């Protein structure tokens, strides 16, 4: 099972069909304020292209920390699958 409660991982990227090296790098020192600022920017959902309403950070070891921008529906899809 994937640890989705705060730390999305490679399993979630597989579920979303996301290539880690193509995701934008997230700051190493990101905190709640940084994540909230990202959520309020104009990004598209990495799965469907709709406006993203959720910003998560996945720590992908060799690829570092990467942003996962998801719309409400795809966030819930991924959350329920985990």
PDB file of N, CA and C in Angstrom:
ATOM      1  N   UNK A   1       0.845  -1.191   0.000  1.00  0.00           N
ATOM      2  CA  UNK A   1       0.000   0.000   0.000  1.00  0.00           C
ATOM      3  C   UNK A   1       0.882   1.243   0.000  1.00  0.00           C
ATOM      4  N   UNK A   2       0.478   2.246  -0.698  1.00  0.00           N
ATOM      5  CA  UNK A   2       1.230   3.493  -0.780  1.00  0.00           C
ATOM      6  C   UNK A   2       0.924   4.378   0.423  1.00  0.00           C
ATOM      7  N   UNK A   3       1.929   5.114   0.870  1.00  0.00           N
ATOM      8  CA  UNK A   3       1.749   6.069   1.964  1.00  0.00           C
ATOM      9  C   UNK A   3       1.267   7.377   1.372  1.00  0.00           C
ATOM     10  N   UNK A   4      -0.047   7.547   1.278  1.00  0.00           N
ATOM     11  CA  UNK A   4      -0.594   8.743   0.665  1.00  0.00           C
ATOM     12  C   UNK A   4      -0.830   9.853   1.677  1.00  0.00           C
ATOM     13  N   UNK A   5      -0.909   9.513   2.950  1.00  0.00           N
ATOM     14  CA  UNK A   5      -1.254  10.497   3.976  1.00  0.00           C
ATOM     15  C   UNK A   5      -0.105  11.460   4.225  1.00  0.00           C
ATOM     16  N   UNK A   6       0.240  12.245   3.235  1.00  0.00           N
ATOM     17  CA  UNK A   6       1.259  13.260   3.417  1.00  0.00           C
ATOM     18  C   UNK A   6       2.507  13.020   2.596  1.00  0.00           C
ATOM     19  N   UNK A   7       2.731  11.802   2.107  1.00  0.00           N
ATOM     20  CA  UNK A   7       3.931  11.491   1.337  1.00  0.00           C
ATOM     21  C   UNK A   7       3.571  10.641   0.120  1.00  0.00           C
ATOM     22  N   UNK A   8       3.073  11.242  -0.936  1.00  0.00           N
ATOM     23  CA  UNK A   8       2.832  10.465  -2.145  1.00  0.00           C
ATOM     24  C   UNK A   8       4.149   9.885  -2.636  1.00  0.00           C
ATOM     25  N   UNK A   9       4.115   8.690  -3.217  1.00  0.00           N
ATOM     26  CA  UNK A   9       5.354   8.070  -3.652  1.00  0.00           C
ATOM     27  C   UNK A   9       5.256   7.558  -5.081  1.00  0.00           C
ATOM     28  N   UNK A  10       6.209   6.743  -5.471  1.00  0.00           N
ATOM     29  CA  UNK A  10       6.288   6.253  -6.847  1.00  0.00           C
ATOM     30  C   UNK A  10       5.059   5.456  -7.248  1.00  0.00           C
ATOM     31  N   UNK A  11       4.454   4.730  -6.311  1.00  0.00           N
ATOM     32  CA  UNK A  11       3.239   3.977  -6.636  1.00  0.00           C
ATOM     33  C   UNK A  11       2.114   4.890  -7.091  1.00  0.00           C
ATOM     34  N   UNK A  12       2.004   6.044  -6.462  1.00  0.00           N
ATOM     35  CA  UNK A  12       0.985   7.002  -6.867  1.00  0.00           C
ATOM     36  C   UNK A  12       1.294   7.543  -8.260  1.00  0.00           C
ATOM     37  N   UNK A  13       2.558   7.779  -8.563  1.00  0.00           N
ATOM     38  CA  UNK A  13       2.916   8.261  -9.897  1.00  0.00           C
ATOM     39  C   UNK A  13       2.554   7.228 -10.956  1.00  0.00           C
ATOM     40  N   UNK A  14       2.725   5.967 -10.635  1.00  0.00           N
ATOM     41  CA  UNK A  14       2.342   4.903 -11.570  1.00  0.00           C
ATOM     42  C   UNK A  14       0.838   4.943 -11.798  1.00  0.00           C
ATOM     43  N   UNK A  15       0.067   5.068 -10.738  1.00  0.00           N
ATOM     44  CA  UNK A  15      -1.388   5.153 -10.832  1.00  0.00           C
ATOM     45  C   UNK A  15      -1.819   6.326 -11.704  1.00  0.00           C
ATOM     46  N   UNK A  16      -1.126   7.453 -11.574  1.00  0.00           N
ATOM     47  CA  UNK A  16      -1.456   8.650 -12.341  1.00  0.00           C
ATOM     48  C   UNK A  16      -0.787   8.679 -13.721  1.00  0.00           C
ATOM     49  N   UNK A  17       0.011   7.672 -14.018  1.00  0.00           N
ATOM     50  CA  UNK A  17       0.762   7.597 -15.280  1.00  0.00           C
ATOM     51  C   UNK A  17       1.640   8.826 -15.455  1.00  0.00           C
ATOM     52  N   UNK A  18       2.358   9.191 -14.396  1.00  0.00           N
ATOM     53  CA  UNK A  18       3.221  10.374 -14.410  1.00  0.00           C
ATOM     54  C   UNK A  18       4.688   9.957 -14.465  1.00  0.00           C
ATOM     55  N   UNK A  19       5.450  10.619 -15.312  1.00  0.00           N
ATOM     56  CA  UNK A  19       6.888  10.386 -15.425  1.00  0.00           C
ATOM     57  C   UNK A  19       7.602  11.353 -14.469  1.00  0.00           C
ATOM     58  N   UNK A  20       8.282  10.831 -13.452  1.00  0.00           N
ATOM     59  CA  UNK A  20       8.890  11.693 -12.423  1.00  0.00           C
ATOM     60  C   UNK A  20       9.820  12.766 -12.962  1.00  0.00           C
ATOM     61  N   UNK A  21      10.588  12.443 -13.979  1.00  0.00           N
ATOM     62  CA  UNK A  21      11.563  13.417 -14.481  1.00  0.00           C
ATOM     63  C   UNK A  21      10.907  14.587 -15.195  1.00  0.00           C
ATOM     64  N   UNK A  22       9.641  14.455 -15.554  1.00  0.00           N
ATOM     65  CA  UNK A  22       8.930  15.546 -16.226  1.00  0.00           C
ATOM     66  C   UNK A  22       8.166  16.434 -15.260  1.00  0.00           C
ATOM     67  N   UNK A  23       8.068  16.022 -14.008  1.00  0.00           N
ATOM     68  CA  UNK A  23       7.366  16.824 -13.007  1.00  0.00           C
ATOM     69  C   UNK A  23       8.266  17.951 -12.527  1.00  0.00           C
ATOM     70  N   UNK A  24       7.682  19.110 -12.220  1.00  0.00           N
ATOM     71  CA  UNK A  24       8.509  20.217 -11.728  1.00  0.00           C
ATOM     72  C   UNK A  24       9.111  19.905 -10.358  1.00  0.00           C
ATOM     73  N   UNK A  25      10.345  20.306 -10.178  1.00  0.00           N
ATOM     74  CA  UNK A  25      11.029  20.104  -8.893  1.00  0.00           C
ATOM     75  C   UNK A  25      10.381  20.970  -7.824  1.00  0.00           C
ATOM     76  N   UNK A  26      10.226  20.397  -6.651  1.00  0.00           N
ATOM     77  CA  UNK A  26       9.686  21.128  -5.502  1.00  0.00           C
ATOM     78  C   UNK A  26      10.856  21.534  -4.608  1.00  0.00           C
ATOM     79  N   UNK A  27      10.716  22.643  -3.882  1.00  0.00           N
ATOM     80  CA  UNK A  27      11.801  23.069  -2.994  1.00  0.00           C
ATOM     81  C   UNK A  27      12.039  22.054  -1.878  1.00  0.00           C
ATOM     82  N   UNK A  28      13.283  21.876  -1.524  1.00  0.00           N
ATOM     83  CA  UNK A  28      13.634  20.927  -0.467  1.00  0.00           C
ATOM     84  C   UNK A  28      13.057  21.328   0.881  1.00  0.00           C
ATOM     85  N   UNK A  29      12.908  22.631   1.101  1.00  0.00           N
ATOM     86  CA  UNK A  29      12.434  23.130   2.390  1.00  0.00           C
ATOM     87  C   UNK A  29      10.965  23.563   2.357  1.00  0.00           C
ATOM     88  N   UNK A  30      10.172  22.986   1.445  1.00  0.00           N
ATOM     89  CA  UNK A  30       8.760  23.374   1.318  1.00  0.00           C
ATOM     90  C   UNK A  30       8.019  23.111   2.625  1.00  0.00           C
ATOM     91  N   UNK A  31       7.156  24.052   2.971  1.00  0.00           N
ATOM     92  CA  UNK A  31       6.314  23.898   4.147  1.00  0.00           C
ATOM     93  C   UNK A  31       4.864  24.133   3.729  1.00  0.00           C
ATOM     94  N   UNK A  32       3.966  24.161   4.675  1.00  0.00           N
ATOM     95  CA  UNK A  32       2.544  24.351   4.385  1.00  0.00           C
ATOM     96  C   UNK A  32       2.262  25.629   3.610  1.00  0.00           C
ATOM     97  N   UNK A  33       2.975  26.680   3.923  1.00  0.00           N
ATOM     98  CA  UNK A  33       2.796  27.959   3.233  1.00  0.00           C
ATOM     99  C   UNK A  33       3.220  27.856   1.763  1.00  0.00           C
ATOM    100  N   UNK A  34       4.311  27.165   1.513  1.00  0.00           N
ATOM    101  CA  UNK A  34       4.797  26.966   0.141  1.00  0.00           C
ATOM    102  C   UNK A  34       3.795  26.141  -0.662  1.00  0.00           C
ATOM    103  N   UNK A  35       3.256  25.098  -0.035  1.00  0.00           N
ATOM    104  CA  UNK A  35       2.281  24.245  -0.712  1.00  0.00           C
ATOM    105  C   UNK A  35       1.006  25.029  -0.995  1.00  0.00           C
ATOM    106  N   UNK A  36       0.555  25.809  -0.056  1.00  0.00           N
ATOM    107  CA  UNK A  36      -0.648  26.626  -0.259  1.00  0.00           C
ATOM    108  C   UNK A  36      -0.429  27.640  -1.378  1.00  0.00           C
ATOM    109  N   UNK A  37       0.738  28.255  -1.438  1.00  0.00           N
ATOM    110  CA  UNK A  37       1.037  29.203  -2.517  1.00  0.00           C
ATOM    111  C   UNK A  37       1.008  28.485  -3.868  1.00  0.00           C
ATOM    112  N   UNK A  38       1.572  27.287  -3.946  1.00  0.00           N
ATOM    113  CA  UNK A  38       1.552  26.518  -5.195  1.00  0.00           C
ATOM    114  C   UNK A  38       0.113  26.192  -5.600  1.00  0.00           C
ATOM    115  N   UNK A  39      -0.707  25.818  -4.637  1.00  0.00           N
ATOM    116  CA  UNK A  39      -2.108  25.465  -4.907  1.00  0.00           C
ATOM    117  C   UNK A  39      -2.867  26.655  -5.490  1.00  0.00           C
ATOM    118  N   UNK A  40      -2.509  27.841  -5.070  1.00  0.00           N
ATOM    119  CA  UNK A  40      -3.203  29.040  -5.526  1.00  0.00           C
ATOM    120  C   UNK A  40      -2.675  29.592  -6.852  1.00  0.00           C
ATOM    121  N   UNK A  41      -1.594  28.998  -7.375  1.00  0.00           N
ATOM    122  CA  UNK A  41      -1.079  29.389  -8.686  1.00  0.00           C
ATOM    123  C   UNK A  41      -1.907  28.712  -9.778  1.00  0.00           C
ATOM    124  N   UNK A  42      -1.679  29.099 -10.998  1.00  0.00           N
ATOM    125  CA  UNK A  42      -2.439  28.565 -12.122  1.00  0.00           C
ATOM    126  C   UNK A  42      -1.700  27.366 -12.732  1.00  0.00           C
ATOM    127  N   UNK A  43      -2.002  26.156 -12.241  1.00  0.00           N
ATOM    128  CA  UNK A  43      -1.392  24.930 -12.761  1.00  0.00           C
ATOM    129  C   UNK A  43      -2.487  24.008 -13.261  1.00  0.00           C
ATOM    130  N   UNK A  44      -2.106  23.079 -14.123  1.00  0.00           N
ATOM    131  CA  UNK A  44      -3.076  22.111 -14.628  1.00  0.00           C
ATOM    132  C   UNK A  44      -2.846  20.760 -13.967  1.00  0.00           C
ATOM    133  N   UNK A  45      -3.887  19.987 -13.893  1.00  0.00           N
ATOM    134  CA  UNK A  45      -3.834  18.646 -13.331  1.00  0.00           C
ATOM    135  C   UNK A  45      -2.917  17.786 -14.193  1.00  0.00           C
ATOM    136  N   UNK A  46      -1.985  17.083 -13.561  1.00  0.00           N
ATOM    137  CA  UNK A  46      -1.037  16.291 -14.333  1.00  0.00           C
ATOM    138  C   UNK A  46      -1.705  15.093 -14.986  1.00  0.00           C
ATOM    139  N   UNK A  47      -2.894  14.730 -14.553  1.00  0.00           N
ATOM    140  CA  UNK A  47      -3.573  13.578 -15.140  1.00  0.00           C
ATOM    141  C   UNK A  47      -4.527  13.939 -16.260  1.00  0.00           C
ATOM    142  N   UNK A  48      -5.326  15.005 -16.079  1.00  0.00           N
ATOM    143  CA  UNK A  48      -6.384  15.286 -17.063  1.00  0.00           C
ATOM    144  C   UNK A  48      -6.285  16.650 -17.731  1.00  0.00           C
ATOM    145  N   UNK A  49      -5.485  17.558 -17.187  1.00  0.00           N
ATOM    146  CA  UNK A  49      -5.329  18.878 -17.785  1.00  0.00           C
ATOM    147  C   UNK A  49      -6.301  19.938 -17.292  1.00  0.00           C
ATOM    148  N   UNK A  50      -7.265  19.573 -16.448  1.00  0.00           N
ATOM    149  CA  UNK A  50      -8.166  20.563 -15.852  1.00  0.00           C
ATOM    150  C   UNK A  50      -7.360  21.432 -14.881  1.00  0.00           C
ATOM    151  N   UNK A  51      -7.922  22.549 -14.445  1.00  0.00           N
ATOM    152  CA  UNK A  51      -7.220  23.351 -13.437  1.00  0.00           C
ATOM    153  C   UNK A  51      -6.967  22.531 -12.163  1.00  0.00           C
ATOM    154  N   UNK A  52      -5.759  22.597 -11.657  1.00  0.00           N
ATOM    155  CA  UNK A  52      -5.399  21.881 -10.429  1.00  0.00           C
ATOM    156  C   UNK A  52      -5.926  22.635  -9.221  1.00  0.00           C
ATOM    157  N   UNK A  53      -6.431  21.888  -8.253  1.00  0.00           N
ATOM    158  CA  UNK A  53      -6.904  22.464  -6.998  1.00  0.00           C
ATOM    159  C   UNK A  53      -6.101  21.947  -5.809  1.00  0.00           C
ATOM    160  N   UNK A  54      -5.229  20.977  -6.066  1.00  0.00           N
ATOM    161  CA  UNK A  54      -4.424  20.355  -5.018  1.00  0.00           C
ATOM    162  C   UNK A  54      -2.960  20.363  -5.429  1.00  0.00           C
ATOM    163  N   UNK A  55      -2.099  20.656  -4.502  1.00  0.00           N
ATOM    164  CA  UNK A  55      -0.654  20.581  -4.738  1.00  0.00           C
ATOM    165  C   UNK A  55      -0.060  19.667  -3.683  1.00  0.00           C
ATOM    166  N   UNK A  56       0.620  18.635  -4.143  1.00  0.00           N
ATOM    167  CA  UNK A  56       1.280  17.692  -3.253  1.00  0.00           C
ATOM    168  C   UNK A  56       2.760  17.635  -3.612  1.00  0.00           C
ATOM    169  N   UNK A  57       3.551  17.138  -2.702  1.00  0.00           N
ATOM    170  CA  UNK A  57       4.974  16.932  -2.983  1.00  0.00           C
ATOM    171  C   UNK A  57       5.273  15.456  -2.804  1.00  0.00           C
ATOM    172  N   UNK A  58       5.863  14.866  -3.830  1.00  0.00           N
ATOM    173  CA  UNK A  58       6.309  13.478  -3.755  1.00  0.00           C
ATOM    174  C   UNK A  58       7.827  13.474  -3.603  1.00  0.00           C
ATOM    175  N   UNK A  59       8.329  12.748  -2.614  1.00  0.00           N
ATOM    176  CA  UNK A  59       9.772  12.603  -2.425  1.00  0.00           C
ATOM    177  C   UNK A  59      10.176  11.323  -3.145  1.00  0.00           C
ATOM    178  N   UNK A  60      10.827  11.471  -4.286  1.00  0.00           N
ATOM    179  CA  UNK A  60      11.107  10.356  -5.172  1.00  0.00           C
ATOM    180  C   UNK A  60      12.568   9.933  -5.157  1.00  0.00           C
ATOM    181  N   UNK A  61      13.173   9.971  -4.012  1.00  0.00           N
ATOM    182  CA  UNK A  61      14.553   9.522  -3.820  1.00  0.00           C
ATOM    183  C   UNK A  61      15.485  10.056  -4.897  1.00  0.00           C
ATOM    184  N   UNK A  62      15.828   9.240  -5.894  1.00  0.00           N
ATOM    185  CA  UNK A  62      16.812   9.650  -6.901  1.00  0.00           C
ATOM    186  C   UNK A  62      16.350  10.828  -7.759  1.00  0.00           C
ATOM    187  N   UNK A  63      15.041  11.077  -7.818  1.00  0.00           N
ATOM    188  CA  UNK A  63      14.527  12.203  -8.599  1.00  0.00           C
ATOM    189  C   UNK A  63      14.269  13.431  -7.728  1.00  0.00           C
ATOM    190  N   UNK A  64      14.434  13.310  -6.440  1.00  0.00           N
ATOM    191  CA  UNK A  64      14.202  14.420  -5.524  1.00  0.00           C
ATOM    192  C   UNK A  64      12.721  14.674  -5.289  1.00  0.00           C
ATOM    193  N   UNK A  65      12.434  15.814  -4.728  1.00  0.00           N
ATOM    194  CA  UNK A  65      11.047  16.193  -4.449  1.00  0.00           C
ATOM    195  C   UNK A  65      10.441  16.807  -5.707  1.00  0.00           C
ATOM    196  N   UNK A  66       9.216  16.373  -6.028  1.00  0.00           N
ATOM    197  CA  UNK A  66       8.519  16.839  -7.233  1.00  0.00           C
ATOM    198  C   UNK A  66       7.095  17.237  -6.885  1.00  0.00           C
ATOM    199  N   UNK A  67       6.612  18.275  -7.601  1.00  0.00           N
ATOM    200  CA  UNK A  67       5.238  18.729  -7.424  1.00  0.00           C
ATOM    201  C   UNK A  67       4.276  17.788  -8.145  1.00  0.00           C
ATOM    202  N   UNK A  68       3.154  17.514  -7.484  1.00  0.00           N
ATOM    203  CA  UNK A  68       2.026  16.805  -8.088  1.00  0.00           C
ATOM    204  C   UNK A  68       0.837  17.748  -8.009  1.00  0.00           C
ATOM    205  N   UNK A  69       0.460  18.298  -9.133  1.00  0.00           N
ATOM    206  CA  UNK A  69      -0.692  19.202  -9.198  1.00  0.00           C
ATOM    207  C   UNK A  69      -1.864  18.392  -9.740  1.00  0.00           C
ATOM    208  N   UNK A  70      -2.954  18.337  -8.958  1.00  0.00           N
ATOM    209  CA  UNK A  70      -4.101  17.517  -9.333  1.00  0.00           C
ATOM    210  C   UNK A  70      -5.399  18.291  -9.181  1.00  0.00           C
ATOM    211  N   UNK A  71      -6.374  17.972 -10.025  1.00  0.00           N
ATOM    212  CA  UNK A  71      -7.715  18.524  -9.860  1.00  0.00           C
ATOM    213  C   UNK A  71      -8.404  17.756  -8.722  1.00  0.00           C
ATOM    214  N   UNK A  72      -9.527  18.233  -8.297  1.00  0.00           N
ATOM    215  CA  UNK A  72     -10.264  17.620  -7.191  1.00  0.00           C
ATOM    216  C   UNK A  72     -10.598  16.160  -7.484  1.00  0.00           C
ATOM    217  N   UNK A  73     -11.113  15.881  -8.677  1.00  0.00           N
ATOM    218  CA  UNK A  73     -11.525  14.517  -9.021  1.00  0.00           C
ATOM    219  C   UNK A  73     -10.347  13.548  -9.044  1.00  0.00           C
ATOM    220  N   UNK A  74      -9.235  13.949  -9.660  1.00  0.00           N
ATOM    221  CA  UNK A  74      -8.089  13.050  -9.746  1.00  0.00           C
ATOM    222  C   UNK A  74      -7.375  12.897  -8.406  1.00  0.00           C
ATOM    223  N   UNK A  75      -7.391  13.927  -7.579  1.00  0.00           N
ATOM    224  CA  UNK A  75      -6.866  13.801  -6.222  1.00  0.00           C
ATOM    225  C   UNK A  75      -7.650  12.735  -5.465  1.00  0.00           C
ATOM    226  N   UNK A  76      -8.983  12.803  -5.548  1.00  0.00           N
ATOM    227  CA  UNK A  76      -9.817  11.826  -4.848  1.00  0.00           C
ATOM    228  C   UNK A  76      -9.664  10.429  -5.430  1.00  0.00           C
ATOM    229  N   UNK A  77      -9.528  10.330  -6.739  1.00  0.00           N
ATOM    230  CA  UNK A  77      -9.302   9.031  -7.382  1.00  0.00           C
ATOM    231  C   UNK A  77      -8.020   8.392  -6.834  1.00  0.00           C
ATOM    232  N   UNK A  78      -6.957   9.154  -6.782  1.00  0.00           N
ATOM    233  CA  UNK A  78      -5.681   8.642  -6.296  1.00  0.00           C
ATOM    234  C   UNK A  78      -5.758   8.307  -4.804  1.00  0.00           C
ATOM    235  N   UNK A  79      -6.414   9.152  -4.052  1.00  0.00           N
ATOM    236  CA  UNK A  79      -6.541   8.931  -2.609  1.00  0.00           C
ATOM    237  C   UNK A  79      -7.324   7.658  -2.326  1.00  0.00           C
ATOM    238  N   UNK A  80      -8.417   7.444  -3.039  1.00  0.00           N
ATOM    239  CA  UNK A  80      -9.245   6.262  -2.822  1.00  0.00           C
ATOM    240  C   UNK A  80      -8.541   4.981  -3.275  1.00  0.00           C
ATOM    241  N   UNK A  81      -7.704   5.079  -4.282  1.00  0.00           N
ATOM    242  CA  UNK A  81      -6.989   3.910  -4.786  1.00  0.00           C
ATOM    243  C   UNK A  81      -5.881   3.472  -3.849  1.00  0.00           C
ATOM    244  N   UNK A  82      -5.427   4.400  -3.018  1.00  0.00           N
ATOM    245  CA  UNK A  82      -4.364   4.072  -2.075  1.00  0.00           C
ATOM    246  C   UNK A  82      -4.988   3.613  -0.806  1.00  0.00           C
TER     247      UNK A  82
END
